Amino acid sequence: MNEAERRKVRASIASDVGRWQSGVQTLTRATQPSAKLLDYLQEDLDGMQKELDRWRSETEQLVQKMRREQKYTPSSFLQILVFLLNSFECTLHALLHKFIP
């Protein structure tokens, strides 16, 4: 291969490298916004996951609180009142029989 052919090959290679370099730069510029979008999307997903975890935790706490409070529903409260009333009636009858035979 003579010197002229070598220069021609080098020029061709340099031209190819230049096109590749230009293509890579164009590709990098084109994908940069997408990469930023994916970063923001990941941050949003992380934030939403934390919020979901917080809501689930709060829901579980409220469900437990509701179950504890259901033990003291009006019907059970009414049963307690009826029991107390019966106790008072028995005490009252005992006192009445004691003082009024």
PDB file of N, CA and C in Angstrom:
ATOM      1  N   MET A   1       0.837  -1.153   0.000  1.00  0.00           N
ATOM      2  CA  MET A   1       0.000   0.000   0.000  1.00  0.00           C
ATOM      3  C   MET A   1       0.899   1.238   0.000  1.00  0.00           C
ATOM      4  N   ASN A   2       0.622   2.110  -0.920  1.00  0.00           N
ATOM      5  CA  ASN A   2       1.465   3.312  -1.010  1.00  0.00           C
ATOM      6  C   ASN A   2       0.922   4.422  -0.108  1.00  0.00           C
ATOM      7  N   GLU A   3       1.677   5.485  -0.052  1.00  0.00           N
ATOM      8  CA  GLU A   3       1.367   6.602   0.856  1.00  0.00           C
ATOM      9  C   GLU A   3       0.017   7.243   0.541  1.00  0.00           C
ATOM     10  N   ALA A   4      -0.339   7.367  -0.694  1.00  0.00           N
ATOM     11  CA  ALA A   4      -1.604   7.990  -1.099  1.00  0.00           C
ATOM     12  C   ALA A   4      -2.788   7.141  -0.626  1.00  0.00           C
ATOM     13  N   GLU A   5      -2.645   5.837  -0.773  1.00  0.00           N
ATOM     14  CA  GLU A   5      -3.722   4.951  -0.323  1.00  0.00           C
ATOM     15  C   GLU A   5      -3.869   5.005   1.195  1.00  0.00           C
ATOM     16  N   ARG A   6      -2.734   5.078   1.908  1.00  0.00           N
ATOM     17  CA  ARG A   6      -2.769   5.167   3.364  1.00  0.00           C
ATOM     18  C   ARG A   6      -3.476   6.449   3.818  1.00  0.00           C
ATOM     19  N   ARG A   7      -3.160   7.554   3.132  1.00  0.00           N
ATOM     20  CA  ARG A   7      -3.820   8.821   3.476  1.00  0.00           C
ATOM     21  C   ARG A   7      -5.320   8.728   3.223  1.00  0.00           C
ATOM     22  N   LYS A   8      -5.668   8.070   2.149  1.00  0.00           N
ATOM     23  CA  LYS A   8      -7.076   7.926   1.801  1.00  0.00           C
ATOM     24  C   LYS A   8      -7.801   7.075   2.859  1.00  0.00           C
ATOM     25  N   VAL A   9      -7.172   5.990   3.337  1.00  0.00           N
ATOM     26  CA  VAL A   9      -7.750   5.122   4.356  1.00  0.00           C
ATOM     27  C   VAL A   9      -7.855   5.882   5.680  1.00  0.00           C
ATOM     28  N   ARG A  10      -6.778   6.619   6.021  1.00  0.00           N
ATOM     29  CA  ARG A  10      -6.794   7.407   7.252  1.00  0.00           C
ATOM     30  C   ARG A  10      -7.902   8.459   7.206  1.00  0.00           C
ATOM     31  N   ALA A  11      -8.059   9.100   6.087  1.00  0.00           N
ATOM     32  CA  ALA A  11      -9.101  10.113   5.933  1.00  0.00           C
ATOM     33  C   ALA A  11     -10.479   9.464   6.075  1.00  0.00           C
ATOM     34  N   SER A  12     -10.626   8.302   5.470  1.00  0.00           N
ATOM     35  CA  SER A  12     -11.896   7.575   5.561  1.00  0.00           C
ATOM     36  C   SER A  12     -12.186   7.180   7.006  1.00  0.00           C
ATOM     37  N   ILE A  13     -11.154   6.682   7.702  1.00  0.00           N
ATOM     38  CA  ILE A  13     -11.323   6.288   9.109  1.00  0.00           C
ATOM     39  C   ILE A  13     -11.644   7.520   9.958  1.00  0.00           C
ATOM     40  N   ALA A  14     -10.919   8.609   9.716  1.00  0.00           N
ATOM     41  CA  ALA A  14     -11.158   9.845  10.458  1.00  0.00           C
ATOM     42  C   ALA A  14     -12.579  10.332  10.207  1.00  0.00           C
ATOM     43  N   SER A  15     -13.047  10.215   8.983  1.00  0.00           N
ATOM     44  CA  SER A  15     -14.408  10.614   8.645  1.00  0.00           C
ATOM     45  C   SER A  15     -15.420   9.727   9.380  1.00  0.00           C
ATOM     46  N   ASP A  16     -15.162   8.417   9.397  1.00  0.00           N
ATOM     47  CA  ASP A  16     -16.052   7.481  10.106  1.00  0.00           C
ATOM     48  C   ASP A  16     -16.077   7.776  11.605  1.00  0.00           C
ATOM     49  N   VAL A  17     -14.897   8.014  12.169  1.00  0.00           N
ATOM     50  CA  VAL A  17     -14.808   8.328  13.594  1.00  0.00           C
ATOM     51  C   VAL A  17     -15.572   9.621  13.883  1.00  0.00           C
ATOM     52  N   GLY A  18     -15.441  10.601  13.033  1.00  0.00           N
ATOM     53  CA  GLY A  18     -16.158  11.871  13.192  1.00  0.00           C
ATOM     54  C   GLY A  18     -17.666  11.665  13.155  1.00  0.00           C
ATOM     55  N   ARG A  19     -18.132  10.833  12.220  1.00  0.00           N
ATOM     56  CA  ARG A  19     -19.575  10.553  12.138  1.00  0.00           C
ATOM     57  C   ARG A  19     -20.051   9.804  13.383  1.00  0.00           C
ATOM     58  N   TRP A  20     -19.257   8.838  13.823  1.00  0.00           N
ATOM     59  CA  TRP A  20     -19.610   8.099  15.033  1.00  0.00           C
ATOM     60  C   TRP A  20     -19.648   9.034  16.240  1.00  0.00           C
ATOM     61  N   GLN A  21     -18.661   9.895  16.328  1.00  0.00           N
ATOM     62  CA  GLN A  21     -18.591  10.845  17.436  1.00  0.00           C
ATOM     63  C   GLN A  21     -19.802  11.766  17.416  1.00  0.00           C
ATOM     64  N   SER A  22     -20.137  12.245  16.258  1.00  0.00           N
ATOM     65  CA  SER A  22     -21.299  13.117  16.107  1.00  0.00           C
ATOM     66  C   SER A  22     -22.589  12.368  16.458  1.00  0.00           C
ATOM     67  N   GLY A  23     -22.690  11.131  16.011  1.00  0.00           N
ATOM     68  CA  GLY A  23     -23.872  10.312  16.320  1.00  0.00           C
ATOM     69  C   GLY A  23     -24.021  10.053  17.809  1.00  0.00           C
ATOM     70  N   VAL A  24     -22.896   9.759  18.473  1.00  0.00           N
ATOM     71  CA  VAL A  24     -22.937   9.514  19.915  1.00  0.00           C
ATOM     72  C   VAL A  24     -23.336  10.793  20.649  1.00  0.00           C
ATOM     73  N   GLN A  25     -22.804  11.929  20.236  1.00  0.00           N
ATOM     74  CA  GLN A  25     -23.175  13.194  20.878  1.00  0.00           C
ATOM     75  C   GLN A  25     -24.660  13.494  20.682  1.00  0.00           C
ATOM     76  N   THR A  26     -25.151  13.268  19.482  1.00  0.00           N
ATOM     77  CA  THR A  26     -26.568  13.492  19.201  1.00  0.00           C
ATOM     78  C   THR A  26     -27.433  12.559  20.045  1.00  0.00           C
ATOM     79  N   LEU A  27     -27.022  11.302  20.117  1.00  0.00           N
ATOM     80  CA  LEU A  27     -27.759  10.326  20.924  1.00  0.00           C
ATOM     81  C   LEU A  27     -27.750  10.717  22.396  1.00  0.00           C
ATOM     82  N   THR A  28     -26.612  11.169  22.886  1.00  0.00           N
ATOM     83  CA  THR A  28     -26.490  11.580  24.284  1.00  0.00           C
ATOM     84  C   THR A  28     -27.395  12.773  24.566  1.00  0.00           C
ATOM     85  N   ARG A  29     -27.377  13.754  23.677  1.00  0.00           N
ATOM     86  CA  ARG A  29     -28.242  14.927  23.854  1.00  0.00           C
ATOM     87  C   ARG A  29     -29.719  14.529  23.803  1.00  0.00           C
ATOM     88  N   ALA A  30     -30.049  13.574  22.955  1.00  0.00           N
ATOM     89  CA  ALA A  30     -31.444  13.165  22.809  1.00  0.00           C
ATOM     90  C   ALA A  30     -31.928  12.357  24.009  1.00  0.00           C
ATOM     91  N   THR A  31     -31.040  11.565  24.601  1.00  0.00           N
ATOM     92  CA  THR A  31     -31.463  10.712  25.714  1.00  0.00           C
ATOM     93  C   THR A  31     -31.355  11.384  27.067  1.00  0.00           C
ATOM     94  N   GLN A  32     -30.663  12.492  27.175  1.00  0.00           N
ATOM     95  CA  GLN A  32     -30.497  13.163  28.458  1.00  0.00           C
ATOM     96  C   GLN A  32     -31.836  13.556  29.085  1.00  0.00           C
ATOM     97  N   PRO A  33     -32.768  14.163  28.343  1.00  0.00           N
ATOM     98  CA  PRO A  33     -34.066  14.479  28.960  1.00  0.00           C
ATOM     99  C   PRO A  33     -34.804  13.229  29.446  1.00  0.00           C
ATOM    100  N   SER A  34     -34.692  12.150  28.683  1.00  0.00           N
ATOM    101  CA  SER A  34     -35.338  10.903  29.105  1.00  0.00           C
ATOM    102  C   SER A  34     -34.706  10.378  30.387  1.00  0.00           C
ATOM    103  N   ALA A  35     -33.397  10.481  30.496  1.00  0.00           N
ATOM    104  CA  ALA A  35     -32.711  10.027  31.708  1.00  0.00           C
ATOM    105  C   ALA A  35     -33.142  10.859  32.909  1.00  0.00           C
ATOM    106  N   LYS A  36     -33.246  12.180  32.727  1.00  0.00           N
ATOM    107  CA  LYS A  36     -33.713  13.041  33.818  1.00  0.00           C
ATOM    108  C   LYS A  36     -35.145  12.684  34.201  1.00  0.00           C
ATOM    109  N   LEU A  37     -35.968  12.420  33.195  1.00  0.00           N
ATOM    110  CA  LEU A  37     -37.353  12.042  33.446  1.00  0.00           C
ATOM    111  C   LEU A  37     -37.408  10.760  34.271  1.00  0.00           C
ATOM    112  N   LEU A  38     -36.576   9.796  33.928  1.00  0.00           N
ATOM    113  CA  LEU A  38     -36.548   8.545  34.684  1.00  0.00           C
ATOM    114  C   LEU A  38     -36.076   8.775  36.120  1.00  0.00           C
ATOM    115  N   ASP A  39     -35.120   9.677  36.308  1.00  0.00           N
ATOM    116  CA  ASP A  39     -34.675  10.009  37.664  1.00  0.00           C
ATOM    117  C   ASP A  39     -35.822  10.618  38.469  1.00  0.00           C
ATOM    118  N   TYR A  40     -36.526  11.572  37.865  1.00  0.00           N
ATOM    119  CA  TYR A  40     -37.654  12.205  38.546  1.00  0.00           C
ATOM    120  C   TYR A  40     -38.763  11.186  38.814  1.00  0.00           C
ATOM    121  N   LEU A  41     -38.979  10.307  37.850  1.00  0.00           N
ATOM    122  CA  LEU A  41     -40.002   9.280  38.014  1.00  0.00           C
ATOM    123  C   LEU A  41     -39.657   8.378  39.194  1.00  0.00           C
ATOM    124  N   GLN A  42     -38.398   7.990  39.304  1.00  0.00           N
ATOM    125  CA  GLN A  42     -37.969   7.152  40.430  1.00  0.00           C
ATOM    126  C   GLN A  42     -38.163   7.873  41.757  1.00  0.00           C
ATOM    127  N   GLU A  43     -37.831   9.151  41.807  1.00  0.00           N
ATOM    128  CA  GLU A  43     -38.042   9.931  43.026  1.00  0.00           C
ATOM    129  C   GLU A  43     -39.526   9.994  43.375  1.00  0.00           C
ATOM    130  N   ASP A  44     -40.375  10.209  42.351  1.00  0.00           N
ATOM    131  CA  ASP A  44     -41.817  10.257  42.579  1.00  0.00           C
ATOM    132  C   ASP A  44     -42.325   8.914  43.086  1.00  0.00           C
ATOM    133  N   LEU A  45     -41.846   7.827  42.497  1.00  0.00           N
ATOM    134  CA  LEU A  45     -42.273   6.505  42.930  1.00  0.00           C
ATOM    135  C   LEU A  45     -41.848   6.238  44.368  1.00  0.00           C
ATOM    136  N   ASP A  46     -40.640   6.644  44.718  1.00  0.00           N
ATOM    137  CA  ASP A  46     -40.176   6.475  46.096  1.00  0.00           C
ATOM    138  C   ASP A  46     -41.063   7.266  47.056  1.00  0.00           C
ATOM    139  N   GLY A  47     -41.372   8.496  46.684  1.00  0.00           N
ATOM    140  CA  GLY A  47     -42.243   9.324  47.519  1.00  0.00           C
ATOM    141  C   GLY A  47     -43.631   8.732  47.662  1.00  0.00           C
ATOM    142  N   MET A  48     -44.179   8.240  46.558  1.00  0.00           N
ATOM    143  CA  MET A  48     -45.511   7.637  46.603  1.00  0.00           C
ATOM    144  C   MET A  48     -45.500   6.363  47.444  1.00  0.00           C
ATOM    145  N   GLN A  49     -44.427   5.571  47.361  1.00  0.00           N
ATOM    146  CA  GLN A  49     -44.330   4.354  48.165  1.00  0.00           C
ATOM    147  C   GLN A  49     -44.283   4.690  49.648  1.00  0.00           C
ATOM    148  N   LYS A  50     -43.523   5.723  50.007  1.00  0.00           N
ATOM    149  CA  LYS A  50     -43.467   6.143  51.411  1.00  0.00           C
ATOM    150  C   LYS A  50     -44.843   6.613  51.884  1.00  0.00           C
ATOM    151  N   GLU A  51     -45.523   7.372  51.036  1.00  0.00           N
ATOM    152  CA  GLU A  51     -46.850   7.856  51.400  1.00  0.00           C
ATOM    153  C   GLU A  51     -47.825   6.692  51.557  1.00  0.00           C
ATOM    154  N   LEU A  52     -47.751   5.717  50.655  1.00  0.00           N
ATOM    155  CA  LEU A  52     -48.610   4.539  50.746  1.00  0.00           C
ATOM    156  C   LEU A  52     -48.330   3.775  52.037  1.00  0.00           C
ATOM    157  N   ASP A  53     -47.063   3.615  52.375  1.00  0.00           N
ATOM    158  CA  ASP A  53     -46.701   2.933  53.623  1.00  0.00           C
ATOM    159  C   ASP A  53     -47.252   3.681  54.829  1.00  0.00           C
ATOM    160  N   ARG A  54     -47.167   5.020  54.783  1.00  0.00           N
ATOM    161  CA  ARG A  54     -47.694   5.833  55.879  1.00  0.00           C
ATOM    162  C   ARG A  54     -49.210   5.654  56.007  1.00  0.00           C
ATOM    163  N   TRP A  55     -49.918   5.670  54.869  1.00  0.00           N
ATOM    164  CA  TRP A  55     -51.375   5.506  54.889  1.00  0.00           C
ATOM    165  C   TRP A  55     -51.755   4.113  55.394  1.00  0.00           C
ATOM    166  N   ARG A  56     -51.004   3.099  54.976  1.00  0.00           N
ATOM    167  CA  ARG A  56     -51.303   1.739  55.445  1.00  0.00           C
ATOM    168  C   ARG A  56     -51.097   1.635  56.949  1.00  0.00           C
ATOM    169  N   SER A  57     -50.026   2.230  57.436  1.00  0.00           N
ATOM    170  CA  SER A  57     -49.753   2.207  58.870  1.00  0.00           C
ATOM    171  C   SER A  57     -50.853   2.920  59.637  1.00  0.00           C
ATOM    172  N   GLU A  58     -51.239   4.084  59.151  1.00  0.00           N
ATOM    173  CA  GLU A  58     -52.301   4.847  59.816  1.00  0.00           C
ATOM    174  C   GLU A  58     -53.619   4.083  59.783  1.00  0.00           C
ATOM    175  N   THR A  59     -53.905   3.439  58.668  1.00  0.00           N
ATOM    176  CA  THR A  59     -55.129   2.649  58.547  1.00  0.00           C
ATOM    177  C   THR A  59     -55.127   1.510  59.561  1.00  0.00           C
ATOM    178  N   GLU A  60     -54.004   0.821  59.672  1.00  0.00           N
ATOM    179  CA  GLU A  60     -53.897  -0.283  60.632  1.00  0.00           C
ATOM    180  C   GLU A  60     -54.087   0.217  62.060  1.00  0.00           C
ATOM    181  N   GLN A  61     -53.492   1.348  62.378  1.00  0.00           N
ATOM    182  CA  GLN A  61     -53.660   1.914  63.725  1.00  0.00           C
ATOM    183  C   GLN A  61     -55.119   2.262  63.994  1.00  0.00           C
ATOM    184  N   LEU A  62     -55.783   2.854  62.996  1.00  0.00           N
ATOM    185  CA  LEU A  62     -57.183   3.233  63.179  1.00  0.00           C
ATOM    186  C   LEU A  62     -58.088   2.011  63.284  1.00  0.00           C
ATOM    187  N   VAL A  63     -57.772   0.956  62.531  1.00  0.00           N
ATOM    188  CA  VAL A  63     -58.554  -0.278  62.615  1.00  0.00           C
ATOM    189  C   VAL A  63     -58.409  -0.882  64.017  1.00  0.00           C
ATOM    190  N   GLN A  64     -57.185  -0.902  64.538  1.00  0.00           N
ATOM    191  CA  GLN A  64     -56.977  -1.420  65.888  1.00  0.00           C
ATOM    192  C   GLN A  64     -57.727  -0.578  66.921  1.00  0.00           C
ATOM    193  N   LYS A  65     -57.675   0.733  66.761  1.00  0.00           N
ATOM    194  CA  LYS A  65     -58.384   1.626  67.682  1.00  0.00           C
ATOM    195  C   LYS A  65     -59.889   1.380  67.607  1.00  0.00           C
ATOM    196  N   MET A  66     -60.402   1.215  66.390  1.00  0.00           N
ATOM    197  CA  MET A  66     -61.826   0.965  66.209  1.00  0.00           C
ATOM    198  C   MET A  66     -62.231  -0.352  66.880  1.00  0.00           C
ATOM    199  N   ARG A  67     -61.398  -1.383  66.740  1.00  0.00           N
ATOM    200  CA  ARG A  67     -61.714  -2.677  67.371  1.00  0.00           C
ATOM    201  C   ARG A  67     -61.719  -2.562  68.891  1.00  0.00           C
ATOM    202  N   ARG A  68     -60.774  -1.788  69.423  1.00  0.00           N
ATOM    203  CA  ARG A  68     -60.769  -1.577  70.876  1.00  0.00           C
ATOM    204  C   ARG A  68     -62.040  -0.848  71.317  1.00  0.00           C
ATOM    205  N   GLU A  69     -62.450   0.150  70.561  1.00  0.00           N
ATOM    206  CA  GLU A  69     -63.631   0.930  70.923  1.00  0.00           C
ATOM    207  C   GLU A  69     -64.924   0.155  70.718  1.00  0.00           C
ATOM    208  N   GLN A  70     -64.906  -0.814  69.793  1.00  0.00           N
ATOM    209  CA  GLN A  70     -66.111  -1.620  69.571  1.00  0.00           C
ATOM    210  C   GLN A  70     -66.429  -2.483  70.785  1.00  0.00           C
ATOM    211  N   LYS A  71     -65.437  -2.737  71.625  1.00  0.00           N
ATOM    212  CA  LYS A  71     -65.688  -3.500  72.843  1.00  0.00           C
ATOM    213  C   LYS A  71     -66.620  -2.733  73.778  1.00  0.00           C
ATOM    214  N   TYR A  72     -66.651  -1.430  73.599  1.00  0.00           N
ATOM    215  CA  TYR A  72     -67.464  -0.583  74.471  1.00  0.00           C
ATOM    216  C   TYR A  72     -68.608   0.055  73.684  1.00  0.00           C
ATOM    217  N   THR A  73     -69.263  -0.764  72.901  1.00  0.00           N
ATOM    218  CA  THR A  73     -70.390  -0.261  72.110  1.00  0.00           C
ATOM    219  C   THR A  73     -71.568   0.020  73.027  1.00  0.00           C
ATOM    220  N   PRO A  74     -72.570   0.716  72.542  1.00  0.00           N
ATOM    221  CA  PRO A  74     -73.739   1.001  73.371  1.00  0.00           C
ATOM    222  C   PRO A  74     -74.392  -0.252  73.939  1.00  0.00           C
ATOM    223  N   SER A  75     -74.404  -1.350  73.201  1.00  0.00           N
ATOM    224  CA  SER A  75     -75.059  -2.550  73.720  1.00  0.00           C
ATOM    225  C   SER A  75     -74.315  -3.087  74.939  1.00  0.00           C
ATOM    226  N   SER A  76     -72.998  -3.108  74.901  1.00  0.00           N
ATOM    227  CA  SER A  76     -72.255  -3.581  76.079  1.00  0.00           C
ATOM    228  C   SER A  76     -72.371  -2.567  77.209  1.00  0.00           C
ATOM    229  N   PHE A  77     -72.401  -1.307  76.869  1.00  0.00           N
ATOM    230  CA  PHE A  77     -72.586  -0.268  77.878  1.00  0.00           C
ATOM    231  C   PHE A  77     -73.963  -0.409  78.521  1.00  0.00           C
ATOM    232  N   LEU A  78     -74.957  -0.701  77.692  1.00  0.00           N
ATOM    233  CA  LEU A  78     -76.315  -0.899  78.190  1.00  0.00           C
ATOM    234  C   LEU A  78     -76.369  -2.119  79.103  1.00  0.00           C
ATOM    235  N   GLN A  79     -75.666  -3.164  78.762  1.00  0.00           N
ATOM    236  CA  GLN A  79     -75.620  -4.353  79.613  1.00  0.00           C
ATOM    237  C   GLN A  79     -75.019  -4.017  80.979  1.00  0.00           C
ATOM    238  N   ILE A  80     -73.987  -3.204  80.979  1.00  0.00           N
ATOM    239  CA  ILE A  80     -73.371  -2.778  82.241  1.00  0.00           C
ATOM    240  C   ILE A  80     -74.370  -1.980  83.062  1.00  0.00           C
ATOM    241  N   LEU A  81     -75.097  -1.082  82.399  1.00  0.00           N
ATOM    242  CA  LEU A  81     -76.091  -0.268  83.111  1.00  0.00           C
ATOM    243  C   LEU A  81     -77.215  -1.137  83.680  1.00  0.00           C
ATOM    244  N   VAL A  82     -77.653  -2.129  82.915  1.00  0.00           N
ATOM    245  CA  VAL A  82     -78.711  -3.022  83.392  1.00  0.00           C
ATOM    246  C   VAL A  82     -78.218  -3.800  84.610  1.00  0.00           C
ATOM    247  N   PHE A  83     -76.985  -4.260  84.554  1.00  0.00           N
ATOM    248  CA  PHE A  83     -76.413  -4.977  85.690  1.00  0.00           C
ATOM    249  C   PHE A  83     -76.368  -4.087  86.925  1.00  0.00           C
ATOM    250  N   LEU A  84     -75.914  -2.853  86.752  1.00  0.00           N
ATOM    251  CA  LEU A  84     -75.858  -1.912  87.878  1.00  0.00           C
ATOM    252  C   LEU A  84     -77.246  -1.608  88.420  1.00  0.00           C
ATOM    253  N   LEU A  85     -78.205  -1.450  87.522  1.00  0.00           N
ATOM    254  CA  LEU A  85     -79.580  -1.188  87.948  1.00  0.00           C
ATOM    255  C   LEU A  85     -80.121  -2.354  88.764  1.00  0.00           C
ATOM    256  N   ASN A  86     -79.867  -3.559  88.296  1.00  0.00           N
ATOM    257  CA  ASN A  86     -80.322  -4.740  89.046  1.00  0.00           C
ATOM    258  C   ASN A  86     -79.645  -4.797  90.414  1.00  0.00           C
ATOM    259  N   SER A  87     -78.368  -4.450  90.461  1.00  0.00           N
ATOM    260  CA  SER A  87     -77.660  -4.438  91.745  1.00  0.00           C
ATOM    261  C   SER A  87     -78.266  -3.408  92.684  1.00  0.00           C
ATOM    262  N   PHE A  88     -78.582  -2.231  92.160  1.00  0.00           N
ATOM    263  CA  PHE A  88     -79.186  -1.189  92.984  1.00  0.00           C
ATOM    264  C   PHE A  88     -80.572  -1.603  93.463  1.00  0.00           C
ATOM    265  N   GLU A  89     -81.323  -2.251  92.597  1.00  0.00           N
ATOM    266  CA  GLU A  89     -82.658  -2.704  92.987  1.00  0.00           C
ATOM    267  C   GLU A  89     -82.569  -3.730  94.115  1.00  0.00           C
ATOM    268  N   CYS A  90     -81.627  -4.644  93.967  1.00  0.00           N
ATOM    269  CA  CYS A  90     -81.462  -5.650  95.032  1.00  0.00           C
ATOM    270  C   CYS A  90     -81.066  -4.983  96.346  1.00  0.00           C
ATOM    271  N   THR A  91     -80.161  -4.032  96.262  1.00  0.00           N
ATOM    272  CA  THR A  91     -79.730  -3.310  97.458  1.00  0.00           C
ATOM    273  C   THR A  91     -80.892  -2.526  98.049  1.00  0.00           C
ATOM    274  N   LEU A  92     -81.671  -1.893  97.189  1.00  0.00           N
ATOM    275  CA  LEU A  92     -82.822  -1.117  97.647  1.00  0.00           C
ATOM    276  C   LEU A  92     -83.850  -2.026  98.312  1.00  0.00           C
ATOM    277  N   HIS A  93     -84.147  -3.167  97.722  1.00  0.00           N
ATOM    278  CA  HIS A  93     -85.104  -4.108  98.316  1.00  0.00           C
ATOM    279  C   HIS A  93     -84.585  -4.608  99.663  1.00  0.00           C
ATOM    280  N   ALA A  94     -83.284  -4.880  99.710  1.00  0.00           N
ATOM    281  CA  ALA A  94     -82.719  -5.345 100.983  1.00  0.00           C
ATOM    282  C   ALA A  94     -82.849  -4.265 102.057  1.00  0.00           C
ATOM    283  N   LEU A  95     -82.597  -3.029 101.688  1.00  0.00           N
ATOM    284  CA  LEU A  95     -82.728  -1.931 102.661  1.00  0.00           C
ATOM    285  C   LEU A  95     -84.170  -1.715 103.050  1.00  0.00           C
ATOM    286  N   LEU A  96     -85.093  -1.793 102.095  1.00  0.00           N
ATOM    287  CA  LEU A  96     -86.504  -1.610 102.400  1.00  0.00           C
ATOM    288  C   LEU A  96     -86.990  -2.705 103.341  1.00  0.00           C
ATOM    289  N   HIS A  97     -86.588  -3.935 103.111  1.00  0.00           N
ATOM    290  CA  HIS A  97     -87.014  -5.035 103.987  1.00  0.00           C
ATOM    291  C   HIS A  97     -86.371  -4.919 105.361  1.00  0.00           C
ATOM    292  N   LYS A  98     -85.243  -4.309 105.420  1.00  0.00           N
ATOM    293  CA  LYS A  98     -84.567  -4.132 106.692  1.00  0.00           C
ATOM    294  C   LYS A  98     -85.298  -3.099 107.554  1.00  0.00           C
ATOM    295  N   PHE A  99     -85.721  -2.012 106.912  1.00  0.00           N
ATOM    296  CA  PHE A  99     -86.394  -0.951 107.663  1.00  0.00           C
ATOM    297  C   PHE A  99     -87.898  -1.100 107.712  1.00  0.00           C
ATOM    298  N   ILE A 100     -88.472  -1.731 106.716  1.00  0.00           N
ATOM    299  CA  ILE A 100     -89.902  -1.918 106.683  1.00  0.00           C
ATOM    300  C   ILE A 100     -90.138  -3.450 106.572  1.00  0.00           C
ATOM    301  N   PRO A 101     -90.371  -4.105 107.688  1.00  0.00           N
ATOM    302  CA  PRO A 101     -90.536  -5.558 107.634  1.00  0.00           C
ATOM    303  C   PRO A 101     -91.848  -6.015 107.063  1.00  0.00           C
TER     304      PRO A 101
END
